[in-house]
Amino acid sequence: MLLDTDVAGCVSSSLSSVLDERRRGTLLKCIEILEKVIPSIGDEDGTRYYERLHEMALLAAGLGDIDGGRHR
């Protein structure tokens, strides 16, 4: 639950201004966690939800192109 709250807060901030280093760091940590957790989610709807959350985090962190759900 805290994971999606952190990502949502940082994404929201990125929509109104450039992310500060603290929020970008939070997003990078969330991205790492999501990449570890997503493969172990057994629920199809849950997997889709967290894949979308991962994509939003990548975009908000400014990591460029999304390639198959993993950052470059």
N, C-alpha and C. Protein backbone atom coordinates (compact mmCIF):
# COMPACT_ATOMS: atom_id res chain seq x y z
N MET A 1 0.83 -1.19 0.00
CA MET A 1 0.00 0.00 0.00
C MET A 1 0.87 1.25 0.00
N LEU A 2 1.90 1.28 0.82
CA LEU A 2 2.76 2.45 0.89
C LEU A 2 3.48 2.68 -0.44
N LEU A 3 3.79 1.62 -1.15
CA LEU A 3 4.47 1.73 -2.43
C LEU A 3 3.66 2.56 -3.42
N ASP A 4 2.38 2.25 -3.58
CA ASP A 4 1.59 3.01 -4.55
C ASP A 4 1.34 4.43 -4.05
N THR A 5 1.29 4.64 -2.75
CA THR A 5 1.13 5.99 -2.20
C THR A 5 2.37 6.83 -2.51
N ASP A 6 3.55 6.26 -2.31
CA ASP A 6 4.79 6.98 -2.62
C ASP A 6 4.88 7.34 -4.10
N VAL A 7 4.60 6.37 -4.96
CA VAL A 7 4.66 6.63 -6.40
C VAL A 7 3.64 7.69 -6.79
N ALA A 8 2.42 7.55 -6.32
CA ALA A 8 1.37 8.51 -6.67
C ALA A 8 1.73 9.93 -6.24
N GLY A 9 2.28 10.07 -5.05
CA GLY A 9 2.67 11.39 -4.57
C GLY A 9 3.77 12.01 -5.42
N CYS A 10 4.76 11.21 -5.77
CA CYS A 10 5.86 11.72 -6.59
C CYS A 10 5.41 12.02 -8.01
N VAL A 11 4.56 11.17 -8.57
CA VAL A 11 4.03 11.41 -9.92
C VAL A 11 3.22 12.70 -9.93
N SER A 12 2.40 12.88 -8.93
CA SER A 12 1.60 14.10 -8.82
C SER A 12 2.49 15.33 -8.77
N SER A 13 3.56 15.27 -7.99
CA SER A 13 4.50 16.39 -7.91
C SER A 13 5.18 16.65 -9.25
N SER A 14 5.49 15.57 -9.97
CA SER A 14 6.19 15.73 -11.25
C SER A 14 5.31 16.39 -12.30
N LEU A 15 4.00 16.29 -12.13
CA LEU A 15 3.08 16.90 -13.09
C LEU A 15 3.02 18.42 -12.94
N SER A 16 3.35 18.91 -11.75
CA SER A 16 3.26 20.35 -11.51
C SER A 16 4.62 21.05 -11.53
N SER A 17 5.70 20.29 -11.37
CA SER A 17 7.03 20.90 -11.38
C SER A 17 8.09 19.82 -11.56
N VAL A 18 9.32 20.27 -11.68
CA VAL A 18 10.43 19.33 -11.79
C VAL A 18 10.64 18.66 -10.43
N LEU A 19 10.87 17.37 -10.44
CA LEU A 19 11.06 16.64 -9.19
C LEU A 19 12.36 17.05 -8.51
N ASP A 20 12.30 17.18 -7.19
CA ASP A 20 13.53 17.41 -6.44
C ASP A 20 14.24 16.06 -6.29
N GLU A 21 15.47 16.11 -5.81
CA GLU A 21 16.28 14.89 -5.70
C GLU A 21 15.67 13.88 -4.73
N ARG A 22 15.05 14.35 -3.66
CA ARG A 22 14.45 13.44 -2.68
C ARG A 22 13.33 12.63 -3.32
N ARG A 23 12.45 13.31 -4.04
CA ARG A 23 11.33 12.60 -4.67
C ARG A 23 11.80 11.70 -5.80
N ARG A 24 12.78 12.16 -6.55
CA ARG A 24 13.33 11.30 -7.62
C ARG A 24 13.97 10.06 -7.02
N GLY A 25 14.67 10.23 -5.91
CA GLY A 25 15.27 9.09 -5.21
C GLY A 25 14.21 8.12 -4.72
N THR A 26 13.11 8.66 -4.21
CA THR A 26 12.00 7.82 -3.77
C THR A 26 11.46 7.02 -4.95
N LEU A 27 11.29 7.67 -6.09
CA LEU A 27 10.80 6.96 -7.27
C LEU A 27 11.75 5.86 -7.71
N LEU A 28 13.04 6.15 -7.69
CA LEU A 28 14.02 5.14 -8.10
C LEU A 28 13.97 3.92 -7.19
N LYS A 29 13.81 4.14 -5.89
CA LYS A 29 13.67 3.02 -4.96
C LYS A 29 12.39 2.23 -5.25
N CYS A 30 11.30 2.95 -5.50
CA CYS A 30 10.03 2.29 -5.81
C CYS A 30 10.13 1.48 -7.09
N ILE A 31 10.82 2.00 -8.08
CA ILE A 31 11.02 1.29 -9.35
C ILE A 31 11.75 -0.03 -9.11
N GLU A 32 12.81 0.03 -8.31
CA GLU A 32 13.56 -1.19 -7.99
C GLU A 32 12.68 -2.22 -7.29
N ILE A 33 11.91 -1.77 -6.33
CA ILE A 33 11.02 -2.67 -5.59
C ILE A 33 9.98 -3.27 -6.52
N LEU A 34 9.37 -2.43 -7.35
CA LEU A 34 8.35 -2.93 -8.28
C LEU A 34 8.92 -3.97 -9.22
N GLU A 35 10.13 -3.77 -9.69
CA GLU A 35 10.75 -4.73 -10.61
C GLU A 35 10.99 -6.08 -9.93
N LYS A 36 11.19 -6.07 -8.63
CA LYS A 36 11.38 -7.32 -7.90
C LYS A 36 10.04 -7.98 -7.58
N VAL A 37 9.03 -7.19 -7.28
CA VAL A 37 7.76 -7.70 -6.78
C VAL A 37 6.81 -8.13 -7.90
N ILE A 38 6.77 -7.40 -8.98
CA ILE A 38 5.79 -7.67 -10.05
C ILE A 38 5.80 -9.13 -10.53
N PRO A 39 6.97 -9.73 -10.76
CA PRO A 39 6.95 -11.12 -11.24
C PRO A 39 6.31 -12.11 -10.26
N SER A 40 6.26 -11.76 -8.99
CA SER A 40 5.73 -12.71 -7.99
C SER A 40 4.24 -12.50 -7.68
N ILE A 41 3.62 -11.50 -8.31
CA ILE A 41 2.19 -11.27 -8.07
C ILE A 41 1.40 -12.31 -8.85
N GLY A 42 0.57 -13.04 -8.14
CA GLY A 42 -0.17 -14.13 -8.77
C GLY A 42 -1.50 -13.73 -9.37
N ASP A 43 -1.91 -12.53 -9.12
CA ASP A 43 -3.21 -12.03 -9.57
C ASP A 43 -3.03 -11.19 -10.84
N GLU A 44 -3.75 -11.54 -11.91
CA GLU A 44 -3.60 -10.83 -13.18
C GLU A 44 -3.94 -9.34 -13.06
N ASP A 45 -5.02 -9.03 -12.36
CA ASP A 45 -5.39 -7.62 -12.18
C ASP A 45 -4.34 -6.88 -11.35
N GLY A 46 -3.84 -7.52 -10.32
CA GLY A 46 -2.80 -6.92 -9.49
C GLY A 46 -1.53 -6.68 -10.29
N THR A 47 -1.18 -7.63 -11.12
CA THR A 47 0.01 -7.48 -11.96
C THR A 47 -0.14 -6.28 -12.89
N ARG A 48 -1.30 -6.18 -13.54
CA ARG A 48 -1.53 -5.05 -14.45
C ARG A 48 -1.46 -3.72 -13.70
N TYR A 49 -2.06 -3.67 -12.53
CA TYR A 49 -2.05 -2.44 -11.73
C TYR A 49 -0.62 -2.00 -11.42
N TYR A 50 0.19 -2.94 -10.93
CA TYR A 50 1.55 -2.58 -10.54
C TYR A 50 2.46 -2.35 -11.75
N GLU A 51 2.17 -2.97 -12.88
CA GLU A 51 2.92 -2.65 -14.11
C GLU A 51 2.64 -1.21 -14.54
N ARG A 52 1.39 -0.78 -14.43
CA ARG A 52 1.06 0.61 -14.77
C ARG A 52 1.72 1.58 -13.79
N LEU A 53 1.71 1.22 -12.53
CA LEU A 53 2.36 2.04 -11.52
C LEU A 53 3.86 2.16 -11.83
N HIS A 54 4.46 1.06 -12.24
CA HIS A 54 5.87 1.04 -12.62
C HIS A 54 6.13 1.97 -13.80
N GLU A 55 5.27 1.91 -14.80
CA GLU A 55 5.42 2.77 -15.97
C GLU A 55 5.31 4.25 -15.59
N MET A 56 4.34 4.57 -14.74
CA MET A 56 4.20 5.96 -14.29
C MET A 56 5.44 6.42 -13.55
N ALA A 57 5.99 5.56 -12.71
CA ALA A 57 7.19 5.92 -11.95
C ALA A 57 8.36 6.17 -12.89
N LEU A 58 8.51 5.33 -13.91
CA LEU A 58 9.58 5.52 -14.89
C LEU A 58 9.46 6.87 -15.59
N LEU A 59 8.26 7.17 -16.04
CA LEU A 59 8.04 8.44 -16.75
C LEU A 59 8.28 9.63 -15.83
N ALA A 60 7.78 9.57 -14.62
CA ALA A 60 7.93 10.68 -13.68
C ALA A 60 9.39 10.88 -13.28
N ALA A 61 10.15 9.78 -13.21
CA ALA A 61 11.56 9.88 -12.84
C ALA A 61 12.42 10.35 -14.01
N GLY A 62 11.81 10.43 -15.20
CA GLY A 62 12.55 10.91 -16.37
C GLY A 62 13.57 9.92 -16.89
N LEU A 63 13.24 8.64 -16.81
CA LEU A 63 14.19 7.62 -17.25
C LEU A 63 14.11 7.32 -18.73
N GLY A 64 13.34 8.10 -19.45
CA GLY A 64 13.30 7.94 -20.90
C GLY A 64 12.30 6.91 -21.36
N ASP A 65 12.65 6.23 -22.45
CA ASP A 65 11.76 5.25 -23.08
C ASP A 65 11.46 4.10 -22.14
N ILE A 66 10.26 3.59 -22.27
CA ILE A 66 9.88 2.39 -21.55
C ILE A 66 10.06 1.24 -22.52
N ASP A 67 10.80 0.23 -22.08
CA ASP A 67 11.11 -0.91 -22.93
C ASP A 67 10.60 -2.19 -22.27
N GLY A 68 9.40 -2.60 -22.69
CA GLY A 68 8.86 -3.85 -22.17
C GLY A 68 8.59 -3.84 -20.67
N GLY A 69 8.35 -2.65 -20.11
CA GLY A 69 8.04 -2.58 -18.70
C GLY A 69 9.24 -2.48 -17.80
N ARG A 70 10.44 -2.46 -18.35
CA ARG A 70 11.66 -2.33 -17.54
C ARG A 70 12.42 -1.10 -18.00
N HIS A 71 13.08 -0.43 -17.07
CA HIS A 71 13.81 0.78 -17.47
C HIS A 71 15.17 0.44 -18.05
N ARG A 72 15.67 1.38 -18.81
CA ARG A 72 16.98 1.19 -19.46
C ARG A 72 18.06 1.81 -18.62
